[in-house]
C-alpha atoms as a PDB file:
ATOM      1  CA  MET A   1      35.621 138.022 -20.346  1.00  0.00           C
ATOM      2  CA  LYS A   2      32.802 135.635 -20.892  1.00  0.00           C
ATOM      3  CA  GLU A   3      30.907 134.801 -17.984  1.00  0.00           C
ATOM      4  CA  ARG A   4      31.920 131.099 -17.773  1.00  0.00           C
ATOM      5  CA  ASN A   5      36.077 132.384 -18.083  1.00  0.00           C
ATOM      6  CA  ALA A   6      34.787 134.685 -15.108  1.00  0.00           C
ATOM      7  CA  GLY A   7      33.402 132.000 -12.984  1.00  0.00           C
ATOM      8  CA  LEU A   8      36.477 130.323 -12.892  1.00  0.00           C
ATOM      9  CA  LEU A   9      38.725 133.161 -11.599  1.00  0.00           C
ATOM     10  CA  LEU A  10      35.501 133.185  -8.242  1.00  0.00           C
ATOM     11  CA  LEU A  11      36.443 129.262  -8.206  1.00  0.00           C
ATOM     12  CA  LEU A  12      39.936 129.653  -8.072  1.00  0.00           C
ATOM     13  CA  THR A  13      39.223 132.473  -4.920  1.00  0.00           C
ATOM     14  CA  SER A  14      37.603 130.248  -3.081  1.00  0.00           C
ATOM     15  CA  LEU A  15      39.796 127.869  -3.662  1.00  0.00           C
ATOM     16  CA  ILE A  16      42.508 129.960  -2.218  1.00  0.00           C
ATOM     17  CA  TRP A  17      40.233 131.044   0.653  1.00  0.00           C
ATOM     18  CA  GLY A  18      39.176 127.609   0.937  1.00  0.00           C
ATOM     19  CA  LEU A  19      42.622 126.273   1.590  1.00  0.00           C
ATOM     20  CA  SER A  20      43.700 129.170   3.971  1.00  0.00           C
ATOM     21  CA  PHE A  21      41.872 128.081   6.503  1.00  0.00           C
ATOM     22  CA  VAL A  22      44.998 124.659   6.887  1.00  0.00           C
ATOM     23  CA  ALA A  23      47.233 127.447   6.526  1.00  0.00           C
ATOM     24  CA  GLN A  24      45.714 129.577   9.635  1.00  0.00           C
ATOM     25  CA  SER A  25      45.754 125.592  10.963  1.00  0.00           C
ATOM     26  CA  VAL A  26      48.830 125.507  10.386  1.00  0.00           C
ATOM     27  CA  SER A  27      50.136 128.846  11.668  1.00  0.00           C
ATOM     28  CA  ALA A  28      48.391 128.509  14.644  1.00  0.00           C
ATOM     29  CA  GLU A  29      50.864 126.127  16.056  1.00  0.00           C
ATOM     30  CA  SER A  30      53.935 127.918  16.399  1.00  0.00           C
ATOM     31  CA  ILE A  31      52.288 131.965  16.356  1.00  0.00           C
ATOM     32  CA  GLY A  32      49.529 133.561  17.934  1.00  0.00           C
ATOM     33  CA  PRO A  33      46.751 135.026  15.933  1.00  0.00           C
ATOM     34  CA  PHE A  34      47.599 138.480  16.875  1.00  0.00           C
ATOM     35  CA  THR A  35      50.666 137.970  15.380  1.00  0.00           C
ATOM     36  CA  PHE A  36      49.455 135.987  12.456  1.00  0.00           C
ATOM     37  CA  ASN A  37      47.062 138.829  11.104  1.00  0.00           C
ATOM     38  CA  ALA A  38      49.784 141.568  11.835  1.00  0.00           C
ATOM     39  CA  VAL A  39      51.761 139.898   9.490  1.00  0.00           C
ATOM     40  CA  ARG A  40      49.579 138.498   7.151  1.00  0.00           C
ATOM     41  CA  LEU A  41      47.666 141.524   6.681  1.00  0.00           C
ATOM     42  CA  ILE A  42      50.526 143.781   6.290  1.00  0.00           C
ATOM     43  CA  ILE A  43      51.786 141.566   3.387  1.00  0.00           C
ATOM     44  CA  GLY A  44      48.171 141.479   1.693  1.00  0.00           C
ATOM     45  CA  ALA A  45      48.533 145.261   1.945  1.00  0.00           C
ATOM     46  CA  ILE A  46      51.856 145.332   0.209  1.00  0.00           C
ATOM     47  CA  VAL A  47      50.887 142.902  -2.277  1.00  0.00           C
ATOM     48  CA  LEU A  48      48.230 145.273  -3.442  1.00  0.00           C
ATOM     49  CA  ILE A  49      50.079 148.520  -4.125  1.00  0.00           C
ATOM     50  CA  PRO A  50      50.791 147.574  -7.430  1.00  0.00           C
ATOM     51  CA  PHE A  51      47.070 147.769  -8.360  1.00  0.00           C
ATOM     52  CA  ALA A  52      45.989 150.516  -6.489  1.00  0.00           C
ATOM     53  CA  ILE A  53      48.379 152.875  -7.724  1.00  0.00           C
ATOM     54  CA  PRO A  54      46.376 153.302 -11.116  1.00  0.00           C
ATOM     55  CA  GLY A  55      43.142 154.569  -9.295  1.00  0.00           C
ATOM     56  CA  ILE A  56      45.453 156.478  -6.913  1.00  0.00           C
ATOM     57  CA  ARG A  57      47.016 158.321  -9.625  1.00  0.00           C
ATOM     58  CA  ARG A  58      43.635 159.202 -11.010  1.00  0.00           C
ATOM     59  CA  HIS A  59      41.962 160.886  -8.047  1.00  0.00           C
ATOM     60  CA  ARG A  60      45.232 162.971  -7.337  1.00  0.00           C
ATOM     61  CA  GLY A  61      44.446 165.975  -5.843  1.00  0.00           C
ATOM     62  CA  ASP A  62      41.054 164.938  -4.445  1.00  0.00           C
ATOM     63  CA  ARG A  63      41.250 165.444  -0.872  1.00  0.00           C
ATOM     64  CA  GLU A  64      37.790 164.487  -0.462  1.00  0.00           C
ATOM     65  CA  TYR A  65      38.321 161.154  -2.081  1.00  0.00           C
ATOM     66  CA  PHE A  66      40.881 160.199  -0.023  1.00  0.00           C
ATOM     67  CA  ARG A  67      39.555 160.940   3.045  1.00  0.00           C
ATOM     68  CA  LYS A  68      36.389 158.752   2.244  1.00  0.00           C
ATOM     69  CA  ALA A  69      39.059 156.123   1.299  1.00  0.00           C
ATOM     70  CA  LEU A  70      40.556 156.631   4.717  1.00  0.00           C
ATOM     71  CA  LYS A  71      37.689 156.835   6.718  1.00  0.00           C
ATOM     72  CA  GLY A  72      36.811 153.793   4.811  1.00  0.00           C
ATOM     73  CA  GLY A  73      39.614 151.998   5.253  1.00  0.00           C
ATOM     74  CA  ALA A  74      39.937 152.712   8.947  1.00  0.00           C
ATOM     75  CA  ILE A  75      36.047 151.444   9.523  1.00  0.00           C
ATOM     76  CA  CYS A  76      36.357 148.135   7.576  1.00  0.00           C
ATOM     77  CA  GLY A  77      40.068 147.430   9.064  1.00  0.00           C
ATOM     78  CA  LEU A  78      38.693 147.544  12.401  1.00  0.00           C
ATOM     79  CA  CYS A  79      35.970 145.358  11.676  1.00  0.00           C
ATOM     80  CA  LEU A  80      38.366 142.638   9.869  1.00  0.00           C
ATOM     81  CA  SER A  81      41.257 142.410  12.135  1.00  0.00           C
ATOM     82  CA  ALA A  82      38.776 141.925  14.821  1.00  0.00           C
ATOM     83  CA  ALA A  83      37.153 138.993  12.622  1.00  0.00           C
ATOM     84  CA  ALA A  84      40.701 137.781  11.635  1.00  0.00           C
ATOM     85  CA  VAL A  85      42.024 137.579  14.928  1.00  0.00           C
ATOM     86  CA  THR A  86      38.690 135.799  16.281  1.00  0.00           C
ATOM     87  CA  GLN A  87      39.311 133.610  13.259  1.00  0.00           C
ATOM     88  CA  GLN A  88      42.233 132.742  14.079  1.00  0.00           C
ATOM     89  CA  ALA A  89      41.892 131.863  18.125  1.00  0.00           C
ATOM     90  CA  GLY A  90      39.042 129.538  16.698  1.00  0.00           C
ATOM     91  CA  ILE A  91      40.902 127.455  14.325  1.00  0.00           C
ATOM     92  CA  ALA A  92      43.253 127.118  16.350  1.00  0.00           C
ATOM     93  CA  VAL A  93      41.004 124.927  18.327  1.00  0.00           C
ATOM     94  CA  SER A  94      38.611 123.419  16.396  1.00  0.00           C
ATOM     95  CA  GLY A  95      40.500 123.002  13.203  1.00  0.00           C
ATOM     96  CA  ALA A  96      40.325 124.259   9.113  1.00  0.00           C
ATOM     97  CA  GLY A  97      37.314 121.908   8.391  1.00  0.00           C
ATOM     98  CA  LYS A  98      35.466 122.739  11.235  1.00  0.00           C
ATOM     99  CA  GLY A  99      36.656 126.742  10.254  1.00  0.00           C
ATOM    100  CA  GLY A 100      35.198 127.183   7.353  1.00  0.00           C
ATOM    101  CA  PHE A 101      31.996 125.689   7.310  1.00  0.00           C
ATOM    102  CA  ILE A 102      31.426 128.186  10.615  1.00  0.00           C
ATOM    103  CA  THR A 103      32.878 131.247   9.429  1.00  0.00           C
ATOM    104  CA  SER A 104      30.775 130.637   6.388  1.00  0.00           C
ATOM    105  CA  LEU A 105      27.356 131.322   8.637  1.00  0.00           C
ATOM    106  CA  TYR A 106      28.546 135.117   7.232  1.00  0.00           C
ATOM    107  CA  ILE A 107      26.647 134.373   3.722  1.00  0.00           C
ATOM    108  CA  ILE A 108      23.221 134.052   6.373  1.00  0.00           C
ATOM    109  CA  ILE A 109      23.770 136.094   8.808  1.00  0.00           C
ATOM    110  CA  VAL A 110      24.190 139.416   6.506  1.00  0.00           C
ATOM    111  CA  PRO A 111      20.679 139.868   5.486  1.00  0.00           C
ATOM    112  CA  ILE A 112      19.384 139.221   9.261  1.00  0.00           C
ATOM    113  CA  ILE A 113      21.811 142.018  10.223  1.00  0.00           C
ATOM    114  CA  SER A 114      20.512 144.569   7.360  1.00  0.00           C
ATOM    115  CA  MET A 115      17.387 144.683   8.797  1.00  0.00           C
ATOM    116  CA  VAL A 116      19.169 147.040  11.296  1.00  0.00           C
ATOM    117  CA  PHE A 117      19.391 149.056   7.603  1.00  0.00           C
ATOM    118  CA  GLY A 118      15.476 148.662   7.071  1.00  0.00           C
ATOM    119  CA  MET A 119      15.792 145.776   5.061  1.00  0.00           C
ATOM    120  CA  ARG A 120      13.463 142.983   5.736  1.00  0.00           C
ATOM    121  CA  PRO A 121      14.622 139.643   4.766  1.00  0.00           C
ATOM    122  CA  GLY A 122      12.069 136.785   2.644  1.00  0.00           C
ATOM    123  CA  LEU A 123      10.729 133.874   4.135  1.00  0.00           C
ATOM    124  CA  ARG A 124      13.882 132.157   2.392  1.00  0.00           C
ATOM    125  CA  THR A 125      15.921 133.546   4.288  1.00  0.00           C
ATOM    126  CA  TRP A 126      14.296 133.008   7.611  1.00  0.00           C
ATOM    127  CA  LEU A 127      14.167 129.158   6.969  1.00  0.00           C
ATOM    128  CA  CYS A 128      17.568 128.967   5.471  1.00  0.00           C
ATOM    129  CA  ALA A 129      18.625 130.778   9.227  1.00  0.00           C
ATOM    130  CA  ALA A 130      16.883 127.985  10.864  1.00  0.00           C
ATOM    131  CA  ALA A 131      18.337 124.950   9.068  1.00  0.00           C
ATOM    132  CA  ALA A 132      22.076 126.499   9.626  1.00  0.00           C
ATOM    133  CA  LEU A 133      21.185 126.844  12.975  1.00  0.00           C
ATOM    134  CA  VAL A 134      20.026 123.336  13.346  1.00  0.00           C
ATOM    135  CA  GLY A 135      23.154 122.780  11.031  1.00  0.00           C
ATOM    136  CA  MET A 136      25.298 124.089  13.572  1.00  0.00           C
ATOM    137  CA  TYR A 137      23.828 122.080  16.601  1.00  0.00           C
ATOM    138  CA  PHE A 138      24.579 118.896  15.139  1.00  0.00           C
ATOM    139  CA  LEU A 139      28.508 120.563  14.031  1.00  0.00           C
ATOM    140  CA  THR A 140      29.631 122.497  16.833  1.00  0.00           C
ATOM    141  CA  LEU A 141      27.813 120.802  20.375  1.00  0.00           C
ATOM    142  CA  SER A 142      29.064 117.965  21.883  1.00  0.00           C
ATOM    143  CA  GLU A 143      26.221 115.362  24.272  1.00  0.00           C
ATOM    144  CA  GLY A 144      26.034 117.148  27.144  1.00  0.00           C
ATOM    145  CA  LEU A 145      25.297 120.285  24.580  1.00  0.00           C
ATOM    146  CA  SER A 146      28.072 122.300  25.498  1.00  0.00           C
ATOM    147  CA  LEU A 147      29.756 124.433  22.932  1.00  0.00           C
ATOM    148  CA  SER A 148      33.661 124.186  22.773  1.00  0.00           C
ATOM    149  CA  ALA A 149      35.778 127.410  22.865  1.00  0.00           C
ATOM    150  CA  GLY A 150      36.840 127.346  19.438  1.00  0.00           C
ATOM    151  CA  ASP A 151      33.166 127.029  17.994  1.00  0.00           C
ATOM    152  CA  GLY A 152      32.215 129.603  20.264  1.00  0.00           C
ATOM    153  CA  LEU A 153      34.999 131.688  18.745  1.00  0.00           C
ATOM    154  CA  LEU A 154      33.996 130.706  14.982  1.00  0.00           C
ATOM    155  CA  ILE A 155      30.670 132.025  15.955  1.00  0.00           C
ATOM    156  CA  ALA A 156      31.435 135.062  16.804  1.00  0.00           C
ATOM    157  CA  CYS A 157      33.712 135.852  13.949  1.00  0.00           C
ATOM    158  CA  ALA A 158      31.057 134.910  11.436  1.00  0.00           C
ATOM    159  CA  PHE A 159      29.360 137.993  12.757  1.00  0.00           C
ATOM    160  CA  LEU A 160      32.666 140.218  13.132  1.00  0.00           C
ATOM    161  CA  PHE A 161      32.722 139.071   9.520  1.00  0.00           C
ATOM    162  CA  ALA A 162      29.047 139.673   8.529  1.00  0.00           C
ATOM    163  CA  LEU A 163      29.728 143.600  10.115  1.00  0.00           C
ATOM    164  CA  HIS A 164      32.865 143.726   7.548  1.00  0.00           C
ATOM    165  CA  ILE A 165      30.733 143.003   4.514  1.00  0.00           C
ATOM    166  CA  MET A 166      28.200 145.620   5.966  1.00  0.00           C
ATOM    167  CA  ALA A 167      30.969 147.788   6.462  1.00  0.00           C
ATOM    168  CA  ILE A 168      32.190 147.735   3.350  1.00  0.00           C
ATOM    169  CA  ASP A 169      28.412 147.922   1.794  1.00  0.00           C
ATOM    170  CA  ARG A 170      28.410 151.006   3.595  1.00  0.00           C
ATOM    171  CA  THR A 171      31.681 152.809   3.274  1.00  0.00           C
ATOM    172  CA  GLY A 172      32.893 151.218  -0.670  1.00  0.00           C
ATOM    173  CA  LYS A 173      30.568 152.517  -2.927  1.00  0.00           C
ATOM    174  CA  ASP A 174      32.326 156.250  -3.811  1.00  0.00           C
ATOM    175  CA  VAL A 175      35.897 154.286  -3.417  1.00  0.00           C
ATOM    176  CA  ASP A 176      38.213 152.308  -5.877  1.00  0.00           C
ATOM    177  CA  GLY A 177      37.529 148.323  -4.526  1.00  0.00           C
ATOM    178  CA  ILE A 178      41.632 147.520  -4.679  1.00  0.00           C
ATOM    179  CA  LEU A 179      42.719 150.592  -2.763  1.00  0.00           C
ATOM    180  CA  LEU A 180      39.829 150.190   0.361  1.00  0.00           C
ATOM    181  CA  SER A 181      41.395 146.722   0.303  1.00  0.00           C
ATOM    182  CA  MET A 182      44.900 147.764   0.619  1.00  0.00           C
ATOM    183  CA  LEU A 183      43.926 150.722   3.201  1.00  0.00           C
ATOM    184  CA  GLN A 184      41.440 147.750   5.356  1.00  0.00           C
ATOM    185  CA  PHE A 185      44.477 145.785   5.331  1.00  0.00           C
ATOM    186  CA  LEU A 186      47.272 147.974   5.896  1.00  0.00           C
ATOM    187  CA  ILE A 187      44.971 149.384   9.123  1.00  0.00           C
ATOM    188  CA  GLY A 188      43.988 146.020  10.504  1.00  0.00           C
ATOM    189  CA  GLY A 189      47.772 145.119   9.633  1.00  0.00           C
ATOM    190  CA  ILE A 190      48.652 147.995  12.466  1.00  0.00           C
ATOM    191  CA  LEU A 191      46.125 147.263  14.768  1.00  0.00           C
ATOM    192  CA  SER A 192      46.663 143.626  15.179  1.00  0.00           C
ATOM    193  CA  SER A 193      49.872 144.380  16.088  1.00  0.00           C
ATOM    194  CA  ILE A 194      49.217 146.894  18.879  1.00  0.00           C
ATOM    195  CA  GLY A 195      47.145 143.558  20.036  1.00  0.00           C
ATOM    196  CA  MET A 196      50.537 141.228  19.312  1.00  0.00           C
ATOM    197  CA  PHE A 197      52.569 143.300  21.385  1.00  0.00           C
ATOM    198  CA  LEU A 198      49.864 143.475  24.102  1.00  0.00           C
ATOM    199  CA  PHE A 199      49.146 140.138  24.440  1.00  0.00           C
ATOM    200  CA  GLU A 200      51.577 138.207  22.611  1.00  0.00           C
ATOM    201  CA  GLU A 201      55.377 138.021  22.768  1.00  0.00           C
ATOM    202  CA  PRO A 202      56.142 138.187  19.533  1.00  0.00           C
ATOM    203  CA  ALA A 203      59.315 136.362  18.302  1.00  0.00           C
ATOM    204  CA  VAL A 204      60.942 136.201  14.720  1.00  0.00           C
ATOM    205  CA  SER A 205      62.204 132.500  15.288  1.00  0.00           C
ATOM    206  CA  SER A 206      58.444 131.590  15.183  1.00  0.00           C
ATOM    207  CA  ILE A 207      57.576 133.886  12.212  1.00  0.00           C
ATOM    208  CA  MET A 208      60.304 132.322  10.406  1.00  0.00           C
ATOM    209  CA  GLU A 209      58.998 128.745  11.423  1.00  0.00           C
ATOM    210  CA  ALA A 210      55.870 129.831   9.605  1.00  0.00           C
ATOM    211  CA  TRP A 211      56.599 131.626   7.222  1.00  0.00           C
ATOM    212  CA  LEU A 212      55.162 129.001   4.248  1.00  0.00           C
ATOM    213  CA  PRO A 213      51.585 129.311   5.728  1.00  0.00           C
ATOM    214  CA  VAL A 214      51.481 132.975   7.114  1.00  0.00           C
ATOM    215  CA  PHE A 215      52.963 134.745   3.174  1.00  0.00           C
ATOM    216  CA  TYR A 216      50.410 132.138   1.492  1.00  0.00           C
ATOM    217  CA  ALA A 217      47.544 133.630   3.732  1.00  0.00           C
ATOM    218  CA  GLY A 218      48.996 137.216   3.240  1.00  0.00           C
ATOM    219  CA  ALA A 219      50.325 136.886  -0.437  1.00  0.00           C
ATOM    220  CA  PHE A 220      47.447 134.800  -1.567  1.00  0.00           C
ATOM    221  CA  SER A 221      44.195 134.957   0.350  1.00  0.00           C
ATOM    222  CA  CYS A 222      44.070 138.120   1.016  1.00  0.00           C
ATOM    223  CA  GLY A 223      46.414 139.692  -2.088  1.00  0.00           C
ATOM    224  CA  ILE A 224      45.861 137.561  -4.850  1.00  0.00           C
ATOM    225  CA  ALA A 225      42.394 136.163  -4.322  1.00  0.00           C
ATOM    226  CA  TYR A 226      40.771 139.300  -3.860  1.00  0.00           C
ATOM    227  CA  THR A 227      42.209 140.958  -6.974  1.00  0.00           C
ATOM    228  CA  LEU A 228      39.994 138.040  -8.543  1.00  0.00           C
ATOM    229  CA  GLN A 229      37.372 138.870  -6.866  1.00  0.00           C
ATOM    230  CA  VAL A 230      36.974 142.234  -8.289  1.00  0.00           C
ATOM    231  CA  VAL A 231      38.073 141.091 -11.627  1.00  0.00           C
ATOM    232  CA  GLY A 232      35.885 137.913 -11.703  1.00  0.00           C
ATOM    233  CA  GLN A 233      32.014 139.963 -10.379  1.00  0.00           C
ATOM    234  CA  LYS A 234      32.761 142.277 -12.620  1.00  0.00           C
ATOM    235  CA  TYR A 235      31.359 139.642 -15.603  1.00  0.00           C
ATOM    236  CA  MET A 236      29.183 137.717 -13.321  1.00  0.00           C
ATOM    237  CA  ASN A 237      25.465 137.761 -11.574  1.00  0.00           C
ATOM    238  CA  PRO A 238      26.189 138.684  -8.086  1.00  0.00           C
ATOM    239  CA  ASP A 239      24.161 135.684  -7.304  1.00  0.00           C
ATOM    240  CA  HIS A 240      25.930 133.458  -9.189  1.00  0.00           C
ATOM    241  CA  ALA A 241      29.081 135.322  -7.818  1.00  0.00           C
ATOM    242  CA  VAL A 242      28.461 134.442  -3.818  1.00  0.00           C
ATOM    243  CA  LEU A 243      27.493 130.933  -4.602  1.00  0.00           C
ATOM    244  CA  ILE A 244      30.687 130.390  -6.079  1.00  0.00           C
ATOM    245  CA  LEU A 245      32.377 132.348  -3.335  1.00  0.00           C
ATOM    246  CA  SER A 246      31.084 130.230  -0.634  1.00  0.00           C
ATOM    247  CA  LEU A 247      32.164 127.146  -1.695  1.00  0.00           C
ATOM    248  CA  GLU A 248      35.133 127.749  -0.040  1.00  0.00           C
ATOM    249  CA  SER A 249      34.015 126.332   2.836  1.00  0.00           C
ATOM    250  CA  VAL A 250      33.911 122.994   0.958  1.00  0.00           C
ATOM    251  CA  TRP A 251      37.929 123.451   0.064  1.00  0.00           C
ATOM    252  CA  ALA A 252      38.694 124.648   3.828  1.00  0.00           C
ATOM    253  CA  ALA A 253      36.956 121.167   4.771  1.00  0.00           C
ATOM    254  CA  ILE A 254      38.651 118.792   2.128  1.00  0.00           C
ATOM    255  CA  GLY A 255      42.369 120.460   2.625  1.00  0.00           C
ATOM    256  CA  GLY A 256      41.839 120.102   6.370  1.00  0.00           C
ATOM    257  CA  ALA A 257      41.657 116.451   5.516  1.00  0.00           C
ATOM    258  CA  LEU A 258      43.919 115.753   3.239  1.00  0.00           C
ATOM    259  CA  ILE A 259      46.590 117.920   4.385  1.00  0.00           C
ATOM    260  CA  LEU A 260      46.184 118.021   8.107  1.00  0.00           C
ATOM    261  CA  GLY A 261      44.057 114.661   8.482  1.00  0.00           C
ATOM    262  CA  GLU A 262      41.040 115.933   9.956  1.00  0.00           C
ATOM    263  CA  ARG A 263      38.057 113.870  10.310  1.00  0.00           C
ATOM    264  CA  MET A 264      34.550 114.489  11.335  1.00  0.00           C
ATOM    265  CA  ASN A 265      32.378 111.831  12.400  1.00  0.00           C
ATOM    266  CA  GLY A 266      28.553 111.076  11.158  1.00  0.00           C
ATOM    267  CA  LYS A 267      27.006 113.676  13.292  1.00  0.00           C
ATOM    268  CA  GLU A 268      29.432 116.938  12.535  1.00  0.00           C
ATOM    269  CA  LEU A 269      29.397 115.550   8.858  1.00  0.00           C
ATOM    270  CA  PHE A 270      25.454 116.150   8.636  1.00  0.00           C
ATOM    271  CA  GLY A 271      25.461 119.500  10.500  1.00  0.00           C
ATOM    272  CA  CYS A 272      27.787 120.503   7.698  1.00  0.00           C
ATOM    273  CA  LEU A 273      25.742 119.236   4.998  1.00  0.00           C
ATOM    274  CA  LEU A 274      23.173 121.590   6.801  1.00  0.00           C
ATOM    275  CA  VAL A 275      25.182 124.423   6.483  1.00  0.00           C
ATOM    276  CA  PHE A 276      26.603 124.279   2.936  1.00  0.00           C
ATOM    277  CA  GLY A 277      23.212 123.560   1.501  1.00  0.00           C
ATOM    278  CA  ALA A 278      21.445 126.465   3.870  1.00  0.00           C
ATOM    279  CA  VAL A 279      24.285 129.245   2.737  1.00  0.00           C
ATOM    280  CA  ILE A 280      24.082 127.190  -1.222  1.00  0.00           C
ATOM    281  CA  ILE A 281      19.727 128.045  -1.318  1.00  0.00           C
ATOM    282  CA  SER A 282      19.600 131.163   0.411  1.00  0.00           C
ATOM    283  CA  GLN A 283      21.938 132.221  -2.556  1.00  0.00           C
ATOM    284  CA  ILE A 284      20.063 131.100  -5.291  1.00  0.00           C
ATOM    285  CA  ASN A 285      18.020 133.651  -7.395  1.00  0.00           C
ATOM    286  CA  PRO A 286      14.294 131.921  -7.900  1.00  0.00           C
ATOM    287  CA  LYS A 287      14.091 134.440 -11.112  1.00  0.00           C
ATOM    288  CA  THR A 288      17.536 132.507 -12.403  1.00  0.00           C
ATOM    289  CA  LEU A 289      16.097 129.003 -12.539  1.00  0.00           C
ATOM    290  CA  ARG A 290      12.962 129.533 -14.553  1.00  0.00           C
ATOM    291  CA  LYS A 291      15.141 130.578 -17.527  1.00  0.00           C
END
């Protein structure tokens, strides 16, 4: 596959992920965050089963391999469930547009967290982080310098997604990516189901009322988009791949405006530009600019 075609696959992935914020915002009107993610993640696991079967067959009888896969799936599923539930609760208050931009901060948070593992981010990373923090000020803080509950949850969700990415990096090197994803969706769905019965009152009628956005978030955002990402990244420089995938925040803002009628004031739009610019610059490899 040519790199251009791979880039188109990743662009489609970012579009699917971005519009998922709209689906999450719509679903929040009918069902709680635990219920939404319980159903969504289990649907994602079911969609990935056919893609995971070939990898399972190749390692049939290898108990150590499946032990690593199950351990990785449990760790990643726990992080994903926590991040997804927090994100859904935040979007219910702050909306899809803000949700996309604030969540995208995980791309900057990841290298900062990596310092724990002995890696040292460069000056550009720190400058981008500072610019993103300024953007967050304009995007989330009101005139009284107060942070809304929804924005606070979305910031927490960005940190949790950063931990999820680090978990995948630490546990997924020796395991098939699709199998790991299927397991994390399944385990994350089970964990969300526990929260659903403990903290919410799930009703089949409410789930059916939001069946379309829930199905989209599960089958398309979790299942199909992840598969497209795996295929596309095989044929593309990872720096370019992350740059394209980060466009999910733009699609979320566009989808929120066109489908949900969400509007941001000038201060919030300026904050979005700063956050998005910081995310983009943090992912550009200076060596590629000289080619």
